[in-house]
Amino acid sequence: MRGFDYQQSSAFSYLSPEERVPSNHPLRPIREMMDAALAELSPVFDQIYSSTGRPSVAPEKLLRALLLQVLYSVRRERLLMEQLQYNLLFRWFVGMDMDESVWVPSVYIKNRDRLLEGDIAQALFTEVLDQARGADLLSDEHFSVDGTLIEAWASQKSFRRKDGSSAPANDSDPGNPTVNFHGESRGNQTHESSTDPDARLARKSGGHEAKLAYCGNVMIENRNGLVVDAELLICSGTAERDAAKVMIGSLEGSAPVTVGADKGYDTKDFVKDLREMNATPHVAQNLNRPGGSAINGRTTRHEGYRISQMKRKRIEEVFGWLKTVGLS
């Protein structure tokens, strides 16, 4: 018998969002890890927020919403608020009741940015990392480093001469003026972005176009390829190696470690600095470099070197996720 297409909005619902989310949904273990980390950060939140005045948006909800925005590639905060309006899964993950009002996008942005300025993002990352360490998922001896370009939110049209001589002429569309860069030599010494002065014109390798960007760097442990540290620096010829030394120097303990990396790290200064930091440089040999590679058979003959060179490529999975899902 055919059913009836009869619709009537019910005044009450006896099912909570918790009951709507399948028990095997992949967000459930993520929510458990997030809740455990946020519980550890509760004393920190108490110090950041005043004990008097009107209650603000709960920091736990702000951070869960931010994680959803990254996991589901939500491009704008306004779109995230729209999802929270009708998406039961999103409401459940953030911890919102069915009748709870969704935040105004500008209020969400203001509260989130103020929270992140208090080094909460780093503290949350550390708490999650401690969970992985407690589950014996991290190696404390073998690591890999690499860097990539994180494109700046700045238009190429904003990259103008520092002396102001290349300012665009009057145009019928001043908000998006017509600019002709043909024949103009542009560089970081003579030009800078008017909207993001810290961004630098850079390219990862020959044959690629130069973009306004920052140098994003990651260090993973080699057992499971989990990220243990990250650094964002202004682009330069040595930014990747500088970031690697900062991350390696922040490792706890004094036990010797190995560090895998690609050919870009095969320089005498970097290899020397790593050895002084009690780290064995398992960098890929750049035999085409003038003077040859900075490492020799004393390093490459070991089986551990071969394993490091195989494991270090897992960093590309991190960068791939950042640029396709995280939209960095």
Protein backbone atom coordinates (compact mmCIF):
# COMPACT_ATOMS: atom_id res chain seq x y z
CA MET A 1 0.00 0.00 0.00
CA ARG A 2 1.31 3.40 -0.93
CA GLY A 3 2.15 5.70 1.97
CA PHE A 4 0.79 9.20 2.27
CA ASP A 5 2.94 12.27 1.60
CA TYR A 6 1.51 13.97 4.64
CA GLN A 7 3.75 16.48 6.40
CA GLN A 8 3.16 18.28 9.65
CA SER A 9 5.75 19.97 11.80
CA SER A 10 5.81 18.50 15.27
CA ALA A 11 5.88 20.80 18.24
CA PHE A 12 8.23 18.49 20.16
CA SER A 13 10.96 16.01 19.35
CA TYR A 14 11.90 13.11 21.58
CA LEU A 15 15.21 12.37 19.84
CA SER A 16 18.37 14.30 20.67
CA PRO A 17 21.21 15.00 18.20
CA GLU A 18 23.24 12.40 20.12
CA GLU A 19 20.76 9.70 19.05
CA ARG A 20 20.81 10.86 15.44
CA VAL A 21 24.56 10.42 14.97
CA PRO A 22 25.53 6.78 14.12
CA SER A 23 27.69 5.07 16.72
CA ASN A 24 30.36 4.32 14.08
CA HIS A 25 30.54 7.84 12.63
CA PRO A 26 34.20 8.96 12.22
CA LEU A 27 33.49 12.21 14.07
CA ARG A 28 32.74 10.34 17.30
CA PRO A 29 36.35 9.40 18.19
CA ILE A 30 37.45 12.89 17.11
CA ARG A 31 34.86 14.39 19.45
CA GLU A 32 36.10 12.20 22.31
CA MET A 33 39.71 13.27 21.77
CA MET A 34 38.66 16.90 21.46
CA ASP A 35 36.59 16.78 24.66
CA ALA A 36 39.47 15.20 26.59
CA ALA A 37 41.87 17.90 25.41
CA LEU A 38 39.40 20.71 26.17
CA ALA A 39 38.82 19.35 29.66
CA GLU A 40 42.56 19.66 30.33
CA LEU A 41 42.47 23.25 29.06
CA SER A 42 39.57 24.29 31.29
CA PRO A 43 41.87 25.92 33.91
CA VAL A 44 43.53 27.91 31.11
CA PHE A 45 40.14 29.13 29.92
CA ASP A 46 39.34 30.26 33.48
CA GLN A 47 42.43 32.47 33.45
CA ILE A 48 41.65 34.01 30.05
CA TYR A 49 38.01 34.90 30.72
CA SER A 50 36.77 37.32 33.36
CA SER A 51 34.68 35.98 36.24
CA THR A 52 32.23 38.88 35.89
CA GLY A 53 30.20 40.38 33.08
CA ARG A 54 28.04 38.86 30.37
CA PRO A 55 28.96 35.26 29.39
CA SER A 56 30.62 35.00 25.99
CA VAL A 57 30.53 32.10 23.56
CA ALA A 58 31.95 29.01 25.27
CA PRO A 59 35.58 28.52 24.16
CA GLU A 60 34.99 24.78 23.84
CA LYS A 61 32.27 25.40 21.26
CA LEU A 62 34.40 27.90 19.38
CA LEU A 63 37.25 25.41 19.01
CA ARG A 64 34.96 22.53 18.00
CA ALA A 65 33.36 24.77 15.36
CA LEU A 66 36.80 25.79 14.08
CA LEU A 67 37.81 22.13 13.78
CA LEU A 68 34.62 21.39 11.82
CA GLN A 69 35.38 24.27 9.47
CA VAL A 70 38.77 22.74 8.68
CA LEU A 71 37.64 19.10 8.48
CA TYR A 72 34.77 19.87 6.10
CA SER A 73 36.53 22.60 4.06
CA VAL A 74 33.93 25.25 4.92
CA ARG A 75 35.32 28.28 3.12
CA ARG A 76 33.58 31.07 5.02
CA GLU A 77 32.34 31.58 8.57
CA ARG A 78 28.95 32.58 7.22
CA LEU A 79 28.64 29.20 5.50
CA LEU A 80 29.60 27.50 8.76
CA MET A 81 26.83 29.35 10.61
CA GLU A 82 24.41 28.27 7.89
CA GLN A 83 25.41 24.64 8.40
CA LEU A 84 24.98 24.96 12.16
CA GLN A 85 21.46 26.23 11.55
CA TYR A 86 20.17 22.99 10.03
CA ASN A 87 22.94 20.36 10.11
CA LEU A 88 22.28 18.05 13.08
CA LEU A 89 25.74 16.48 12.81
CA PHE A 90 27.43 19.86 13.10
CA ARG A 91 25.21 20.88 16.01
CA TRP A 92 26.00 17.67 17.85
CA PHE A 93 29.75 18.01 17.35
CA VAL A 94 29.87 21.64 18.49
CA GLY A 95 27.64 20.84 21.48
CA MET A 96 24.62 22.99 20.60
CA ASP A 97 21.07 22.20 21.70
CA MET A 98 18.33 21.90 19.11
CA ASP A 99 16.82 25.21 20.21
CA GLU A 100 20.11 27.08 20.65
CA SER A 101 20.52 30.11 18.44
CA VAL A 102 23.36 30.15 15.92
CA TRP A 103 25.99 32.86 16.40
CA VAL A 104 26.23 35.92 14.20
CA PRO A 105 29.28 35.32 11.95
CA SER A 106 31.05 38.50 13.07
CA VAL A 107 30.56 37.54 16.73
CA TYR A 108 31.98 34.08 16.08
CA ILE A 109 35.02 35.51 14.27
CA LYS A 110 35.73 38.09 16.98
CA ASN A 111 35.49 35.58 19.83
CA ARG A 112 37.49 32.91 17.97
CA ASP A 113 40.32 35.25 17.00
CA ARG A 114 40.55 36.64 20.53
CA LEU A 115 40.78 33.09 21.87
CA LEU A 116 43.48 32.02 19.41
CA GLU A 117 45.58 35.09 20.22
CA GLY A 118 46.07 33.62 23.69
CA ASP A 119 48.19 30.71 22.38
CA ILE A 120 45.23 28.38 22.84
CA ALA A 121 45.79 26.74 19.45
CA GLN A 122 49.28 25.64 20.50
CA ALA A 123 48.00 24.45 23.87
CA LEU A 124 45.25 22.41 22.19
CA PHE A 125 47.77 20.88 19.78
CA THR A 126 49.99 19.92 22.72
CA GLU A 127 47.10 18.23 24.55
CA VAL A 128 46.18 16.17 21.48
CA LEU A 129 49.84 15.26 21.03
CA ASP A 130 49.99 14.09 24.64
CA GLN A 131 47.08 11.75 23.92
CA ALA A 132 49.00 10.23 21.00
CA ARG A 133 52.09 9.91 23.18
CA GLY A 134 50.07 8.20 25.91
CA ALA A 135 48.80 5.69 23.35
CA ASP A 136 52.43 4.97 22.29
CA LEU A 137 51.80 6.26 18.77
CA LEU A 138 54.81 8.60 18.61
CA SER A 139 58.45 7.90 17.96
CA ASP A 140 60.82 9.94 20.14
CA GLU A 141 63.91 9.08 18.10
CA HIS A 142 63.16 9.42 14.39
CA PHE A 143 61.70 12.50 12.72
CA SER A 144 61.33 14.13 9.29
CA VAL A 145 61.04 17.77 8.26
CA ASP A 146 59.91 19.61 5.16
CA GLY A 147 58.44 22.92 4.08
CA THR A 148 55.95 24.25 1.57
CA LEU A 149 54.58 27.57 0.42
CA ILE A 150 51.41 28.79 2.11
CA GLU A 151 49.84 31.27 -0.29
CA ALA A 152 49.08 34.64 1.30
CA TRP A 153 45.65 36.24 1.11
CA ALA A 154 47.08 39.07 -0.97
CA SER A 155 46.53 39.89 -4.63
CA GLN A 156 49.41 40.18 -7.05
CA LYS A 157 48.06 43.66 -7.79
CA SER A 158 48.89 44.65 -4.20
CA PHE A 159 52.60 43.90 -4.83
CA ARG A 160 53.83 47.39 -5.65
CA ARG A 161 57.09 49.32 -5.55
CA LYS A 162 58.06 50.46 -2.07
CA ASP A 163 58.69 53.98 -3.33
CA GLY A 164 55.11 54.22 -4.64
CA SER A 165 56.11 54.77 -8.26
CA SER A 166 54.08 51.80 -9.49
CA ALA A 167 50.79 52.89 -7.95
CA PRO A 168 47.94 52.17 -10.41
CA ALA A 169 46.64 55.08 -12.42
CA ASN A 170 43.05 56.27 -12.28
CA ASP A 171 40.76 53.53 -13.40
CA SER A 172 37.05 53.14 -14.01
CA ASP A 173 37.07 50.37 -11.40
CA PRO A 174 39.26 51.60 -8.51
CA GLY A 175 38.37 48.57 -6.39
CA ASN A 176 39.96 46.28 -8.99
CA PRO A 177 42.22 48.51 -11.13
CA THR A 178 43.77 47.42 -14.39
CA VAL A 179 47.50 46.83 -13.84
CA ASN A 180 49.99 45.76 -16.49
CA PHE A 181 53.07 44.03 -15.08
CA HIS A 182 54.52 43.21 -18.50
CA GLY A 183 58.21 44.11 -18.71
CA GLU A 184 58.40 45.15 -15.04
CA SER A 185 61.08 43.53 -12.89
CA ARG A 186 59.57 42.79 -9.49
CA GLY A 187 61.36 41.52 -6.41
CA ASN A 188 61.13 41.50 -2.63
CA GLN A 189 63.92 44.08 -2.36
CA THR A 190 62.02 46.71 -4.35
CA HIS A 191 58.37 45.67 -3.94
CA GLU A 192 56.01 44.72 -1.13
CA SER A 193 52.33 43.95 -0.74
CA SER A 194 50.21 46.89 0.35
CA THR A 195 47.74 44.54 2.08
CA ASP A 196 50.18 42.00 3.59
CA PRO A 197 53.68 43.50 3.95
CA ASP A 198 55.08 40.31 5.53
CA ALA A 199 54.24 38.17 2.48
CA ARG A 200 57.10 37.49 0.09
CA LEU A 201 57.17 36.71 -3.62
CA ALA A 202 58.43 33.11 -3.74
CA ARG A 203 58.28 29.86 -5.66
CA LYS A 204 59.00 26.34 -4.54
CA SER A 205 61.05 25.29 -7.56
CA GLY A 206 62.03 26.30 -11.07
CA GLY A 207 59.33 26.22 -13.71
CA HIS A 208 56.61 27.39 -11.30
CA GLU A 209 55.16 30.87 -11.05
CA ALA A 210 56.15 33.02 -8.08
CA LYS A 211 53.37 33.83 -5.59
CA LEU A 212 52.99 35.96 -2.51
CA ALA A 213 53.40 33.40 0.23
CA TYR A 214 54.78 32.31 3.58
CA CYS A 215 56.99 29.32 4.33
CA GLY A 216 55.01 26.63 6.16
CA ASN A 217 57.09 23.92 7.84
CA VAL A 218 56.16 20.65 9.50
CA MET A 219 57.98 18.01 11.51
CA ILE A 220 56.55 14.50 11.76
CA GLU A 221 57.61 11.48 13.75
CA ASN A 222 58.43 8.51 11.55
CA ARG A 223 56.46 5.77 13.29
CA ASN A 224 52.97 6.82 12.17
CA GLY A 225 53.63 10.08 10.34
CA LEU A 226 51.94 12.23 12.99
CA VAL A 227 52.72 15.94 13.09
CA VAL A 228 54.67 16.88 16.23
CA ASP A 229 55.55 20.50 15.43
CA ALA A 230 54.93 23.25 12.87
CA GLU A 231 56.46 26.63 12.11
CA LEU A 232 55.38 29.46 9.81
CA LEU A 233 58.19 31.80 8.70
CA ILE A 234 58.67 34.62 6.23
CA CYS A 235 60.00 33.20 2.98
CA SER A 236 63.75 33.38 2.42
CA GLY A 237 66.50 31.24 0.94
CA THR A 238 67.08 29.55 4.30
CA ALA A 239 63.58 29.60 5.84
CA GLU A 240 63.01 25.84 5.61
CA ARG A 241 66.34 24.99 7.20
CA ASP A 242 65.89 27.68 9.86
CA ALA A 243 62.46 26.30 10.77
CA ALA A 244 63.85 22.76 10.93
CA LYS A 245 66.48 23.83 13.46
CA VAL A 246 63.86 25.59 15.57
CA MET A 247 61.62 22.50 15.63
CA ILE A 248 64.47 20.09 16.33
CA GLY A 249 65.74 22.37 19.09
CA SER A 250 62.32 22.25 20.77
CA LEU A 251 62.38 18.46 21.16
CA GLU A 252 62.36 17.33 24.77
CA GLY A 253 65.23 15.31 26.19
CA SER A 254 68.86 15.00 25.19
CA ALA A 255 68.80 11.58 23.50
CA PRO A 256 70.17 11.45 19.93
CA VAL A 257 67.60 11.59 17.10
CA THR A 258 67.57 11.18 13.34
CA VAL A 259 66.09 13.77 10.98
CA GLY A 260 65.03 12.87 7.45
CA ALA A 261 64.74 15.57 4.79
CA ASP A 262 64.94 16.16 1.03
CA LYS A 263 67.84 17.52 -1.05
CA GLY A 264 67.06 21.11 -0.17
CA TYR A 265 68.47 20.48 3.30
CA ASP A 266 71.75 19.01 2.04
CA THR A 267 74.05 21.91 2.93
CA LYS A 268 77.22 21.88 5.01
CA ASP A 269 75.97 24.48 7.47
CA PHE A 270 72.67 22.68 8.13
CA VAL A 271 74.34 19.27 8.52
CA LYS A 272 76.93 20.77 10.88
CA ASP A 273 74.27 22.51 12.98
CA LEU A 274 72.20 19.32 13.28
CA ARG A 275 75.15 17.29 14.48
CA GLU A 276 75.90 19.93 17.10
CA MET A 277 72.27 19.51 18.25
CA ASN A 278 72.84 15.76 18.71
CA ALA A 279 70.75 14.97 15.61
CA THR A 280 71.87 12.70 12.79
CA PRO A 281 71.03 14.33 9.41
CA HIS A 282 69.36 11.75 7.16
CA VAL A 283 69.01 14.21 4.29
CA ALA A 284 68.79 13.13 0.66
CA GLN A 285 72.10 13.58 -1.08
CA ASN A 286 72.33 16.38 -3.65
CA LEU A 287 75.24 15.10 -5.73
CA ASN A 288 74.80 17.90 -8.29
CA ARG A 289 75.60 20.57 -5.74
CA PRO A 290 79.03 22.23 -6.21
CA GLY A 291 81.38 20.42 -3.84
CA GLY A 292 79.08 17.41 -3.59
CA SER A 293 76.81 16.25 -0.80
CA ALA A 294 77.35 17.31 2.80
CA ILE A 295 76.97 13.71 3.99
CA ASN A 296 78.88 10.63 2.91
CA GLY A 297 78.87 6.86 3.21
CA ARG A 298 79.31 6.96 6.97
CA THR A 299 75.67 8.06 7.11
CA THR A 300 74.13 6.58 3.97
CA ARG A 301 75.46 3.05 4.50
CA HIS A 302 73.16 2.44 7.49
CA GLU A 303 69.77 0.80 7.11
CA GLY A 304 68.27 3.56 9.24
CA TYR A 305 69.15 6.11 6.54
CA ARG A 306 67.22 4.14 3.93
CA ILE A 307 64.21 3.89 6.26
CA SER A 308 64.31 7.63 7.01
CA GLN A 309 64.33 8.42 3.29
CA MET A 310 61.30 6.22 2.81
CA LYS A 311 59.40 7.58 5.82
CA ARG A 312 60.08 11.29 5.14
CA LYS A 313 57.83 11.24 2.10
CA ARG A 314 54.79 10.90 4.38
CA ILE A 315 55.07 14.62 5.05
CA GLU A 316 53.66 15.15 1.55
CA GLU A 317 50.42 13.60 2.81
CA VAL A 318 50.22 16.36 5.41
CA PHE A 319 50.79 19.09 2.83
CA GLY A 320 48.31 17.45 0.46
CA TRP A 321 45.64 17.47 3.16
CA LEU A 322 46.39 21.09 4.08
CA LYS A 323 46.00 22.30 0.50
CA THR A 324 43.02 20.20 -0.57
CA VAL A 325 40.98 19.83 2.63
CA GLY A 326 42.35 22.41 5.05
CA LEU A 327 42.45 24.93 2.17
CA SER A 328 45.71 26.54 3.34
